[in-house]
Amino acid sequence: MNLLLDECLDRHLAKELLGHYVRTVPQMGWASFKNGSLLALAQKQFDVFITVDRHLASQQHLSKFDLSVLVIRARSNRLAELQPLVPAILRALPKIKKGHAMFVGA
């Protein structure tokens, strides 16, 4: 799967998501885009957008995007807090549906 990590996530998380093509929003040059515009761009090249922004799913009409959103629920966006959730993230990826959000973590 092609995964896009939100700019609020530690870029080193990409190394943990083995077996997937992973890029970050800054790597793509999209750091200045707001959520709606960002999702519109992302849907052209990525299958899943991964974020810790818990409000994204309620603020955007995800059904209009050809993209899935995976929201990580963690105490912070630090890598040390995200690493224990990597197995849950990897298990969730094949189950997530385009136009929908899935939540993993606490």
PDB file of N, CA and C in Angstrom:
ATOM      1  N   MET A   1       0.836  -1.186   0.000  1.00  0.00           N
ATOM      2  CA  MET A   1       0.000   0.000   0.000  1.00  0.00           C
ATOM      3  C   MET A   1       0.877   1.244   0.000  1.00  0.00           C
ATOM      4  N   ASN A   2       0.353   2.297  -0.553  1.00  0.00           N
ATOM      5  CA  ASN A   2       1.013   3.596  -0.537  1.00  0.00           C
ATOM      6  C   ASN A   2       0.437   4.409   0.622  1.00  0.00           C
ATOM      7  N   LEU A   3       1.302   4.764   1.564  1.00  0.00           N
ATOM      8  CA  LEU A   3       0.880   5.438   2.780  1.00  0.00           C
ATOM      9  C   LEU A   3       1.476   6.835   2.849  1.00  0.00           C
ATOM     10  N   LEU A   4       0.667   7.793   3.281  1.00  0.00           N
ATOM     11  CA  LEU A   4       1.124   9.157   3.475  1.00  0.00           C
ATOM     12  C   LEU A   4       0.995   9.503   4.948  1.00  0.00           C
ATOM     13  N   LEU A   5       2.124   9.886   5.567  1.00  0.00           N
ATOM     14  CA  LEU A   5       2.129  10.290   6.968  1.00  0.00           C
ATOM     15  C   LEU A   5       1.919  11.791   7.078  1.00  0.00           C
ATOM     16  N   ASP A   6       0.989  12.177   7.921  1.00  0.00           N
ATOM     17  CA  ASP A   6       0.719  13.593   8.172  1.00  0.00           C
ATOM     18  C   ASP A   6       1.974  14.260   8.727  1.00  0.00           C
ATOM     19  N   GLU A   7       2.081  15.556   8.535  1.00  0.00           N
ATOM     20  CA  GLU A   7       3.268  16.272   8.990  1.00  0.00           C
ATOM     21  C   GLU A   7       3.381  16.306  10.509  1.00  0.00           C
ATOM     22  N   CYS A   8       2.307  16.033  11.220  1.00  0.00           N
ATOM     23  CA  CYS A   8       2.353  16.024  12.678  1.00  0.00           C
ATOM     24  C   CYS A   8       2.943  14.724  13.233  1.00  0.00           C
ATOM     25  N   LEU A   9       3.213  13.751  12.377  1.00  0.00           N
ATOM     26  CA  LEU A   9       3.801  12.484  12.810  1.00  0.00           C
ATOM     27  C   LEU A   9       5.313  12.501  12.638  1.00  0.00           C
ATOM     28  N   ASP A  10       5.997  11.822  13.531  1.00  0.00           N
ATOM     29  CA  ASP A  10       7.444  11.680  13.427  1.00  0.00           C
ATOM     30  C   ASP A  10       7.785  10.934  12.138  1.00  0.00           C
ATOM     31  N   ARG A  11       8.642  11.505  11.318  1.00  0.00           N
ATOM     32  CA  ARG A  11       8.972  10.916  10.024  1.00  0.00           C
ATOM     33  C   ARG A  11       9.615   9.538  10.149  1.00  0.00           C
ATOM     34  N   HIS A  12      10.196   9.246  11.293  1.00  0.00           N
ATOM     35  CA  HIS A  12      10.839   7.949  11.499  1.00  0.00           C
ATOM     36  C   HIS A  12       9.821   6.811  11.620  1.00  0.00           C
ATOM     37  N   LEU A  13       8.562   7.145  11.795  1.00  0.00           N
ATOM     38  CA  LEU A  13       7.522   6.119  11.812  1.00  0.00           C
ATOM     39  C   LEU A  13       7.487   5.375  10.478  1.00  0.00           C
ATOM     40  N   ALA A  14       7.869   6.029   9.412  1.00  0.00           N
ATOM     41  CA  ALA A  14       7.868   5.413   8.079  1.00  0.00           C
ATOM     42  C   ALA A  14       8.700   4.136   8.050  1.00  0.00           C
ATOM     43  N   LYS A  15       9.812   4.127   8.766  1.00  0.00           N
ATOM     44  CA  LYS A  15      10.692   2.948   8.804  1.00  0.00           C
ATOM     45  C   LYS A  15      10.046   1.760   9.498  1.00  0.00           C
ATOM     46  N   GLU A  16       9.052   2.025  10.327  1.00  0.00           N
ATOM     47  CA  GLU A  16       8.380   0.969  11.083  1.00  0.00           C
ATOM     48  C   GLU A  16       7.289   0.266  10.271  1.00  0.00           C
ATOM     49  N   LEU A  17       6.845   0.892   9.214  1.00  0.00           N
ATOM     50  CA  LEU A  17       5.719   0.370   8.438  1.00  0.00           C
ATOM     51  C   LEU A  17       6.238  -0.464   7.267  1.00  0.00           C
ATOM     52  N   LEU A  18       6.874  -1.558   7.624  1.00  0.00           N
ATOM     53  CA  LEU A  18       7.529  -2.434   6.655  1.00  0.00           C
ATOM     54  C   LEU A  18       6.539  -3.015   5.657  1.00  0.00           C
ATOM     55  N   GLY A  19       6.995  -3.150   4.430  1.00  0.00           N
ATOM     56  CA  GLY A  19       6.173  -3.736   3.383  1.00  0.00           C
ATOM     57  C   GLY A  19       5.276  -2.744   2.669  1.00  0.00           C
ATOM     58  N   HIS A  20       5.410  -1.468   3.012  1.00  0.00           N
ATOM     59  CA  HIS A  20       4.578  -0.433   2.405  1.00  0.00           C
ATOM     60  C   HIS A  20       5.457   0.692   1.870  1.00  0.00           C
ATOM     61  N   TYR A  21       4.959   1.363   0.850  1.00  0.00           N
ATOM     62  CA  TYR A  21       5.601   2.567   0.330  1.00  0.00           C
ATOM     63  C   TYR A  21       5.093   3.717   1.186  1.00  0.00           C
ATOM     64  N   VAL A  22       6.005   4.387   1.894  1.00  0.00           N
ATOM     65  CA  VAL A  22       5.598   5.429   2.840  1.00  0.00           C
ATOM     66  C   VAL A  22       6.335   6.723   2.535  1.00  0.00           C
ATOM     67  N   ARG A  23       5.569   7.802   2.491  1.00  0.00           N
ATOM     68  CA  ARG A  23       6.114   9.140   2.333  1.00  0.00           C
ATOM     69  C   ARG A  23       5.449  10.033   3.374  1.00  0.00           C
ATOM     70  N   THR A  24       6.107  11.166   3.650  1.00  0.00           N
ATOM     71  CA  THR A  24       5.538  12.137   4.581  1.00  0.00           C
ATOM     72  C   THR A  24       5.021  13.339   3.792  1.00  0.00           C
ATOM     73  N   VAL A  25       4.140  14.073   4.410  1.00  0.00           N
ATOM     74  CA  VAL A  25       3.603  15.284   3.778  1.00  0.00           C
ATOM     75  C   VAL A  25       4.742  16.242   3.407  1.00  0.00           C
ATOM     76  N   PRO A  26       5.708  16.509   4.312  1.00  0.00           N
ATOM     77  CA  PRO A  26       6.811  17.390   3.912  1.00  0.00           C
ATOM     78  C   PRO A  26       7.649  16.830   2.755  1.00  0.00           C
ATOM     79  N   GLN A  27       7.880  15.533   2.715  1.00  0.00           N
ATOM     80  CA  GLN A  27       8.628  14.950   1.603  1.00  0.00           C
ATOM     81  C   GLN A  27       7.938  15.207   0.267  1.00  0.00           C
ATOM     82  N   MET A  28       6.626  15.223   0.289  1.00  0.00           N
ATOM     83  CA  MET A  28       5.859  15.456  -0.933  1.00  0.00           C
ATOM     84  C   MET A  28       5.777  16.944  -1.286  1.00  0.00           C
ATOM     85  N   GLY A  29       6.221  17.807  -0.379  1.00  0.00           N
ATOM     86  CA  GLY A  29       6.150  19.253  -0.612  1.00  0.00           C
ATOM     87  C   GLY A  29       4.766  19.822  -0.357  1.00  0.00           C
ATOM     88  N   TRP A  30       3.979  19.129   0.466  1.00  0.00           N
ATOM     89  CA  TRP A  30       2.594  19.514   0.694  1.00  0.00           C
ATOM     90  C   TRP A  30       2.342  20.082   2.095  1.00  0.00           C
ATOM     91  N   ALA A  31       3.378  20.485   2.793  1.00  0.00           N
ATOM     92  CA  ALA A  31       3.234  20.927   4.188  1.00  0.00           C
ATOM     93  C   ALA A  31       2.338  22.155   4.348  1.00  0.00           C
ATOM     94  N   SER A  32       2.194  22.957   3.336  1.00  0.00           N
ATOM     95  CA  SER A  32       1.400  24.184   3.468  1.00  0.00           C
ATOM     96  C   SER A  32      -0.088  23.976   3.167  1.00  0.00           C
ATOM     97  N   PHE A  33      -0.480  22.775   2.746  1.00  0.00           N
ATOM     98  CA  PHE A  33      -1.875  22.534   2.361  1.00  0.00           C
ATOM     99  C   PHE A  33      -2.754  22.213   3.571  1.00  0.00           C
ATOM    100  N   LYS A  34      -3.965  22.731   3.556  1.00  0.00           N
ATOM    101  CA  LYS A  34      -4.959  22.421   4.589  1.00  0.00           C
ATOM    102  C   LYS A  34      -5.527  21.028   4.327  1.00  0.00           C
ATOM    103  N   ASN A  35      -6.239  20.480   5.307  1.00  0.00           N
ATOM    104  CA  ASN A  35      -6.696  19.090   5.240  1.00  0.00           C
ATOM    105  C   ASN A  35      -7.468  18.719   3.973  1.00  0.00           C
ATOM    106  N   GLY A  36      -8.456  19.498   3.580  1.00  0.00           N
ATOM    107  CA  GLY A  36      -9.248  19.160   2.396  1.00  0.00           C
ATOM    108  C   GLY A  36      -8.413  19.122   1.132  1.00  0.00           C
ATOM    109  N   SER A  37      -7.588  20.138   0.948  1.00  0.00           N
ATOM    110  CA  SER A  37      -6.707  20.180  -0.222  1.00  0.00           C
ATOM    111  C   SER A  37      -5.659  19.080  -0.164  1.00  0.00           C
ATOM    112  N   LEU A  38      -5.173  18.810   1.037  1.00  0.00           N
ATOM    113  CA  LEU A  38      -4.176  17.763   1.220  1.00  0.00           C
ATOM    114  C   LEU A  38      -4.750  16.395   0.858  1.00  0.00           C
ATOM    115  N   LEU A  39      -5.947  16.108   1.311  1.00  0.00           N
ATOM    116  CA  LEU A  39      -6.587  14.822   0.992  1.00  0.00           C
ATOM    117  C   LEU A  39      -6.856  14.699  -0.505  1.00  0.00           C
ATOM    118  N   ALA A  40      -7.223  15.804  -1.134  1.00  0.00           N
ATOM    119  CA  ALA A  40      -7.466  15.781  -2.581  1.00  0.00           C
ATOM    120  C   ALA A  40      -6.186  15.454  -3.346  1.00  0.00           C
ATOM    121  N   LEU A  41      -5.083  16.003  -2.923  1.00  0.00           N
ATOM    122  CA  LEU A  41      -3.796  15.681  -3.541  1.00  0.00           C
ATOM    123  C   LEU A  41      -3.392  14.239  -3.240  1.00  0.00           C
ATOM    124  N   ALA A  42      -3.524  13.860  -1.991  1.00  0.00           N
ATOM    125  CA  ALA A  42      -3.081  12.539  -1.549  1.00  0.00           C
ATOM    126  C   ALA A  42      -3.814  11.406  -2.257  1.00  0.00           C
ATOM    127  N   GLN A  43      -5.094  11.588  -2.531  1.00  0.00           N
ATOM    128  CA  GLN A  43      -5.878  10.509  -3.139  1.00  0.00           C
ATOM    129  C   GLN A  43      -5.380  10.111  -4.518  1.00  0.00           C
ATOM    130  N   LYS A  44      -4.608  10.978  -5.150  1.00  0.00           N
ATOM    131  CA  LYS A  44      -4.089  10.688  -6.483  1.00  0.00           C
ATOM    132  C   LYS A  44      -2.902   9.733  -6.462  1.00  0.00           C
ATOM    133  N   GLN A  45      -2.206   9.659  -5.307  1.00  0.00           N
ATOM    134  CA  GLN A  45      -0.994   8.851  -5.237  1.00  0.00           C
ATOM    135  C   GLN A  45      -0.942   7.867  -4.078  1.00  0.00           C
ATOM    136  N   PHE A  46      -1.858   8.014  -3.116  1.00  0.00           N
ATOM    137  CA  PHE A  46      -1.780   7.212  -1.901  1.00  0.00           C
ATOM    138  C   PHE A  46      -3.092   6.483  -1.625  1.00  0.00           C
ATOM    139  N   ASP A  47      -2.968   5.394  -0.893  1.00  0.00           N
ATOM    140  CA  ASP A  47      -4.142   4.606  -0.494  1.00  0.00           C
ATOM    141  C   ASP A  47      -4.665   5.029   0.875  1.00  0.00           C
ATOM    142  N   VAL A  48      -3.720   5.385   1.770  1.00  0.00           N
ATOM    143  CA  VAL A  48      -4.085   5.691   3.156  1.00  0.00           C
ATOM    144  C   VAL A  48      -3.321   6.918   3.628  1.00  0.00           C
ATOM    145  N   PHE A  49      -4.050   7.813   4.304  1.00  0.00           N
ATOM    146  CA  PHE A  49      -3.465   8.970   4.967  1.00  0.00           C
ATOM    147  C   PHE A  49      -3.460   8.664   6.450  1.00  0.00           C
ATOM    148  N   ILE A  50      -2.290   8.730   7.095  1.00  0.00           N
ATOM    149  CA  ILE A  50      -2.158   8.405   8.511  1.00  0.00           C
ATOM    150  C   ILE A  50      -1.894   9.680   9.291  1.00  0.00           C
ATOM    151  N   THR A  51      -2.661   9.877  10.358  1.00  0.00           N
ATOM    152  CA  THR A  51      -2.576  11.105  11.139  1.00  0.00           C
ATOM    153  C   THR A  51      -2.864  10.814  12.613  1.00  0.00           C
ATOM    154  N   VAL A  52      -2.617  11.797  13.466  1.00  0.00           N
ATOM    155  CA  VAL A  52      -3.060  11.746  14.862  1.00  0.00           C
ATOM    156  C   VAL A  52      -4.159  12.785  15.090  1.00  0.00           C
ATOM    157  N   ASP A  53      -4.575  13.448  14.041  1.00  0.00           N
ATOM    158  CA  ASP A  53      -5.625  14.475  14.106  1.00  0.00           C
ATOM    159  C   ASP A  53      -6.978  13.802  14.277  1.00  0.00           C
ATOM    160  N   ARG A  54      -7.453  13.740  15.502  1.00  0.00           N
ATOM    161  CA  ARG A  54      -8.713  13.046  15.816  1.00  0.00           C
ATOM    162  C   ARG A  54      -9.935  13.742  15.246  1.00  0.00           C
ATOM    163  N   HIS A  55      -9.800  14.990  14.886  1.00  0.00           N
ATOM    164  CA  HIS A  55     -10.937  15.760  14.378  1.00  0.00           C
ATOM    165  C   HIS A  55     -11.074  15.695  12.863  1.00  0.00           C
ATOM    166  N   LEU A  56     -10.061  15.197  12.191  1.00  0.00           N
ATOM    167  CA  LEU A  56     -10.077  15.169  10.734  1.00  0.00           C
ATOM    168  C   LEU A  56     -11.307  14.449  10.183  1.00  0.00           C
ATOM    169  N   ALA A  57     -11.626  13.304  10.761  1.00  0.00           N
ATOM    170  CA  ALA A  57     -12.749  12.499  10.260  1.00  0.00           C
ATOM    171  C   ALA A  57     -14.075  13.245  10.358  1.00  0.00           C
ATOM    172  N   SER A  58     -14.245  14.070  11.376  1.00  0.00           N
ATOM    173  CA  SER A  58     -15.507  14.804  11.519  1.00  0.00           C
ATOM    174  C   SER A  58     -15.495  16.138  10.774  1.00  0.00           C
ATOM    175  N   GLN A  59     -14.318  16.647  10.452  1.00  0.00           N
ATOM    176  CA  GLN A  59     -14.221  17.933   9.771  1.00  0.00           C
ATOM    177  C   GLN A  59     -14.267  17.808   8.249  1.00  0.00           C
ATOM    178  N   GLN A  60     -13.980  16.635   7.728  1.00  0.00           N
ATOM    179  CA  GLN A  60     -13.942  16.429   6.282  1.00  0.00           C
ATOM    180  C   GLN A  60     -14.994  15.407   5.872  1.00  0.00           C
ATOM    181  N   HIS A  61     -15.511  15.542   4.685  1.00  0.00           N
ATOM    182  CA  HIS A  61     -16.441  14.555   4.132  1.00  0.00           C
ATOM    183  C   HIS A  61     -15.590  13.488   3.444  1.00  0.00           C
ATOM    184  N   LEU A  62     -15.163  12.509   4.211  1.00  0.00           N
ATOM    185  CA  LEU A  62     -14.217  11.522   3.709  1.00  0.00           C
ATOM    186  C   LEU A  62     -14.768  10.692   2.561  1.00  0.00           C
ATOM    187  N   SER A  63     -16.080  10.548   2.497  1.00  0.00           N
ATOM    188  CA  SER A  63     -16.677   9.727   1.443  1.00  0.00           C
ATOM    189  C   SER A  63     -16.427  10.290   0.044  1.00  0.00           C
ATOM    190  N   LYS A  64     -16.063  11.557  -0.053  1.00  0.00           N
ATOM    191  CA  LYS A  64     -15.804  12.135  -1.371  1.00  0.00           C
ATOM    192  C   LYS A  64     -14.360  11.918  -1.839  1.00  0.00           C
ATOM    193  N   PHE A  65     -13.548  11.303  -0.998  1.00  0.00           N
ATOM    194  CA  PHE A  65     -12.149  11.056  -1.345  1.00  0.00           C
ATOM    195  C   PHE A  65     -11.912   9.582  -1.641  1.00  0.00           C
ATOM    196  N   ASP A  66     -11.081   9.313  -2.620  1.00  0.00           N
ATOM    197  CA  ASP A  66     -10.692   7.950  -2.980  1.00  0.00           C
ATOM    198  C   ASP A  66      -9.439   7.596  -2.171  1.00  0.00           C
ATOM    199  N   LEU A  67      -9.613   7.618  -0.853  1.00  0.00           N
ATOM    200  CA  LEU A  67      -8.504   7.503   0.082  1.00  0.00           C
ATOM    201  C   LEU A  67      -9.068   7.068   1.431  1.00  0.00           C
ATOM    202  N   SER A  68      -8.305   6.311   2.168  1.00  0.00           N
ATOM    203  CA  SER A  68      -8.666   5.933   3.535  1.00  0.00           C
ATOM    204  C   SER A  68      -7.879   6.806   4.500  1.00  0.00           C
ATOM    205  N   VAL A  69      -8.435   6.994   5.691  1.00  0.00           N
ATOM    206  CA  VAL A  69      -7.747   7.756   6.726  1.00  0.00           C
ATOM    207  C   VAL A  69      -7.604   6.860   7.954  1.00  0.00           C
ATOM    208  N   LEU A  70      -6.380   6.753   8.439  1.00  0.00           N
ATOM    209  CA  LEU A  70      -6.104   5.999   9.650  1.00  0.00           C
ATOM    210  C   LEU A  70      -5.687   6.994  10.727  1.00  0.00           C
ATOM    211  N   VAL A  71      -6.467   7.059  11.797  1.00  0.00           N
ATOM    212  CA  VAL A  71      -6.196   7.998  12.877  1.00  0.00           C
ATOM    213  C   VAL A  71      -5.589   7.220  14.036  1.00  0.00           C
ATOM    214  N   ILE A  72      -4.400   7.622  14.430  1.00  0.00           N
ATOM    215  CA  ILE A  72      -3.708   6.987  15.540  1.00  0.00           C
ATOM    216  C   ILE A  72      -4.060   7.729  16.820  1.00  0.00           C
ATOM    217  N   ARG A  73      -4.564   6.995  17.786  1.00  0.00           N
ATOM    218  CA  ARG A  73      -4.859   7.565  19.100  1.00  0.00           C
ATOM    219  C   ARG A  73      -3.698   7.219  20.022  1.00  0.00           C
ATOM    220  N   ALA A  74      -2.911   8.215  20.351  1.00  0.00           N
ATOM    221  CA  ALA A  74      -1.755   8.025  21.221  1.00  0.00           C
ATOM    222  C   ALA A  74      -1.665   9.214  22.171  1.00  0.00           C
ATOM    223  N   ARG A  75      -0.906   9.046  23.246  1.00  0.00           N
ATOM    224  CA  ARG A  75      -0.766  10.136  24.214  1.00  0.00           C
ATOM    225  C   ARG A  75      -0.058  11.337  23.607  1.00  0.00           C
ATOM    226  N   SER A  76       0.822  11.082  22.646  1.00  0.00           N
ATOM    227  CA  SER A  76       1.499  12.165  21.947  1.00  0.00           C
ATOM    228  C   SER A  76       1.885  11.666  20.563  1.00  0.00           C
ATOM    229  N   ASN A  77       2.475  12.534  19.775  1.00  0.00           N
ATOM    230  CA  ASN A  77       2.899  12.137  18.439  1.00  0.00           C
ATOM    231  C   ASN A  77       4.387  11.773  18.403  1.00  0.00           C
ATOM    232  N   ARG A  78       4.978  11.600  19.573  1.00  0.00           N
ATOM    233  CA  ARG A  78       6.385  11.201  19.648  1.00  0.00           C
ATOM    234  C   ARG A  78       6.532   9.751  19.202  1.00  0.00           C
ATOM    235  N   LEU A  79       7.656   9.449  18.570  1.00  0.00           N
ATOM    236  CA  LEU A  79       7.900   8.109  18.052  1.00  0.00           C
ATOM    237  C   LEU A  79       7.792   7.050  19.143  1.00  0.00           C
ATOM    238  N   ALA A  80       8.293   7.341  20.329  1.00  0.00           N
ATOM    239  CA  ALA A  80       8.230   6.384  21.435  1.00  0.00           C
ATOM    240  C   ALA A  80       6.789   6.012  21.794  1.00  0.00           C
ATOM    241  N   GLU A  81       5.867   6.929  21.597  1.00  0.00           N
ATOM    242  CA  GLU A  81       4.448   6.667  21.872  1.00  0.00           C
ATOM    243  C   GLU A  81       3.781   5.936  20.709  1.00  0.00           C
ATOM    244  N   LEU A  82       4.283   6.127  19.506  1.00  0.00           N
ATOM    245  CA  LEU A  82       3.683   5.541  18.306  1.00  0.00           C
ATOM    246  C   LEU A  82       4.174   4.115  18.038  1.00  0.00           C
ATOM    247  N   GLN A  83       5.421   3.828  18.363  1.00  0.00           N
ATOM    248  CA  GLN A  83       5.992   2.520  18.048  1.00  0.00           C
ATOM    249  C   GLN A  83       5.196   1.344  18.603  1.00  0.00           C
ATOM    250  N   PRO A  84       4.695   1.394  19.835  1.00  0.00           N
ATOM    251  CA  PRO A  84       3.906   0.259  20.334  1.00  0.00           C
ATOM    252  C   PRO A  84       2.615   0.021  19.545  1.00  0.00           C
ATOM    253  N   LEU A  85       2.167   1.023  18.792  1.00  0.00           N
ATOM    254  CA  LEU A  85       0.928   0.910  18.022  1.00  0.00           C
ATOM    255  C   LEU A  85       1.160   0.400  16.600  1.00  0.00           C
ATOM    256  N   VAL A  86       2.411   0.227  16.204  1.00  0.00           N
ATOM    257  CA  VAL A  86       2.719  -0.214  14.843  1.00  0.00           C
ATOM    258  C   VAL A  86       2.043  -1.542  14.496  1.00  0.00           C
ATOM    259  N   PRO A  87       2.066  -2.559  15.364  1.00  0.00           N
ATOM    260  CA  PRO A  87       1.358  -3.803  15.007  1.00  0.00           C
ATOM    261  C   PRO A  87      -0.130  -3.576  14.732  1.00  0.00           C
ATOM    262  N   ALA A  88      -0.776  -2.739  15.523  1.00  0.00           N
ATOM    263  CA  ALA A  88      -2.202  -2.442  15.312  1.00  0.00           C
ATOM    264  C   ALA A  88      -2.406  -1.682  14.007  1.00  0.00           C
ATOM    265  N   ILE A  89      -1.488  -0.794  13.695  1.00  0.00           N
ATOM    266  CA  ILE A  89      -1.566  -0.045  12.427  1.00  0.00           C
ATOM    267  C   ILE A  89      -1.473  -1.007  11.260  1.00  0.00           C
ATOM    268  N   LEU A  90      -0.492  -1.894  11.310  1.00  0.00           N
ATOM    269  CA  LEU A  90      -0.293  -2.849  10.219  1.00  0.00           C
ATOM    270  C   LEU A  90      -1.481  -3.800  10.066  1.00  0.00           C
ATOM    271  N   ARG A  91      -2.098  -4.177  11.184  1.00  0.00           N
ATOM    272  CA  ARG A  91      -3.292  -5.046  11.115  1.00  0.00           C
ATOM    273  C   ARG A  91      -4.495  -4.294  10.546  1.00  0.00           C
ATOM    274  N   ALA A  92      -4.580  -3.001  10.804  1.00  0.00           N
ATOM    275  CA  ALA A  92      -5.720  -2.203  10.352  1.00  0.00           C
ATOM    276  C   ALA A  92      -5.672  -1.892   8.859  1.00  0.00           C
ATOM    277  N   LEU A  93      -4.494  -1.753   8.307  1.00  0.00           N
ATOM    278  CA  LEU A  93      -4.359  -1.308   6.914  1.00  0.00           C
ATOM    279  C   LEU A  93      -5.150  -2.136   5.911  1.00  0.00           C
ATOM    280  N   PRO A  94      -5.114  -3.474   5.958  1.00  0.00           N
ATOM    281  CA  PRO A  94      -5.876  -4.225   4.960  1.00  0.00           C
ATOM    282  C   PRO A  94      -7.393  -4.150   5.162  1.00  0.00           C
ATOM    283  N   LYS A  95      -7.822  -3.709   6.330  1.00  0.00           N
ATOM    284  CA  LYS A  95      -9.255  -3.674   6.652  1.00  0.00           C
ATOM    285  C   LYS A  95      -9.915  -2.331   6.366  1.00  0.00           C
ATOM    286  N   ILE A  96      -9.126  -1.291   6.251  1.00  0.00           N
ATOM    287  CA  ILE A  96      -9.675   0.047   6.099  1.00  0.00           C
ATOM    288  C   ILE A  96     -10.270   0.233   4.703  1.00  0.00           C
ATOM    289  N   LYS A  97     -11.355   0.986   4.630  1.00  0.00           N
ATOM    290  CA  LYS A  97     -12.060   1.193   3.361  1.00  0.00           C
ATOM    291  C   LYS A  97     -11.891   2.637   2.893  1.00  0.00           C
ATOM    292  N   LYS A  98     -11.791   2.791   1.598  1.00  0.00           N
ATOM    293  CA  LYS A  98     -11.668   4.128   1.016  1.00  0.00           C
ATOM    294  C   LYS A  98     -12.903   4.956   1.345  1.00  0.00           C
ATOM    295  N   GLY A  99     -12.663   6.224   1.630  1.00  0.00           N
ATOM    296  CA  GLY A  99     -13.751   7.118   1.986  1.00  0.00           C
ATOM    297  C   GLY A  99     -14.164   7.036   3.433  1.00  0.00           C
ATOM    298  N   HIS A 100     -13.400   6.278   4.241  1.00  0.00           N
ATOM    299  CA  HIS A 100     -13.718   6.098   5.649  1.00  0.00           C
ATOM    300  C   HIS A 100     -12.477   6.319   6.499  1.00  0.00           C
ATOM    301  N   ALA A 101     -12.719   6.505   7.788  1.00  0.00           N
ATOM    302  CA  ALA A 101     -11.635   6.614   8.764  1.00  0.00           C
ATOM    303  C   ALA A 101     -11.687   5.412   9.679  1.00  0.00           C
ATOM    304  N   MET A 102     -10.523   4.983  10.112  1.00  0.00           N
ATOM    305  CA  MET A 102     -10.400   3.932  11.104  1.00  0.00           C
ATOM    306  C   MET A 102      -9.478   4.470  12.202  1.00  0.00           C
ATOM    307  N   PHE A 103      -9.767   4.089  13.432  1.00  0.00           N
ATOM    308  CA  PHE A 103      -8.983   4.550  14.576  1.00  0.00           C
ATOM    309  C   PHE A 103      -8.234   3.369  15.175  1.00  0.00           C
ATOM    310  N   VAL A 104      -6.980   3.595  15.557  1.00  0.00           N
ATOM    311  CA  VAL A 104      -6.206   2.596  16.262  1.00  0.00           C
ATOM    312  C   VAL A 104      -5.597   3.245  17.493  1.00  0.00           C
ATOM    313  N   GLY A 105      -5.416   2.463  18.536  1.00  0.00           N
ATOM    314  CA  GLY A 105      -4.824   2.975  19.769  1.00  0.00           C
ATOM    315  C   GLY A 105      -5.861   3.262  20.810  1.00  0.00           C
ATOM    316  N   ALA A 106      -5.389   3.882  21.883  1.00  0.00           N
ATOM    317  CA  ALA A 106      -6.240   4.149  23.065  1.00  0.00           C
ATOM    318  C   ALA A 106      -7.299   5.184  22.815  1.00  0.00           C
TER     319      ALA A 106
END
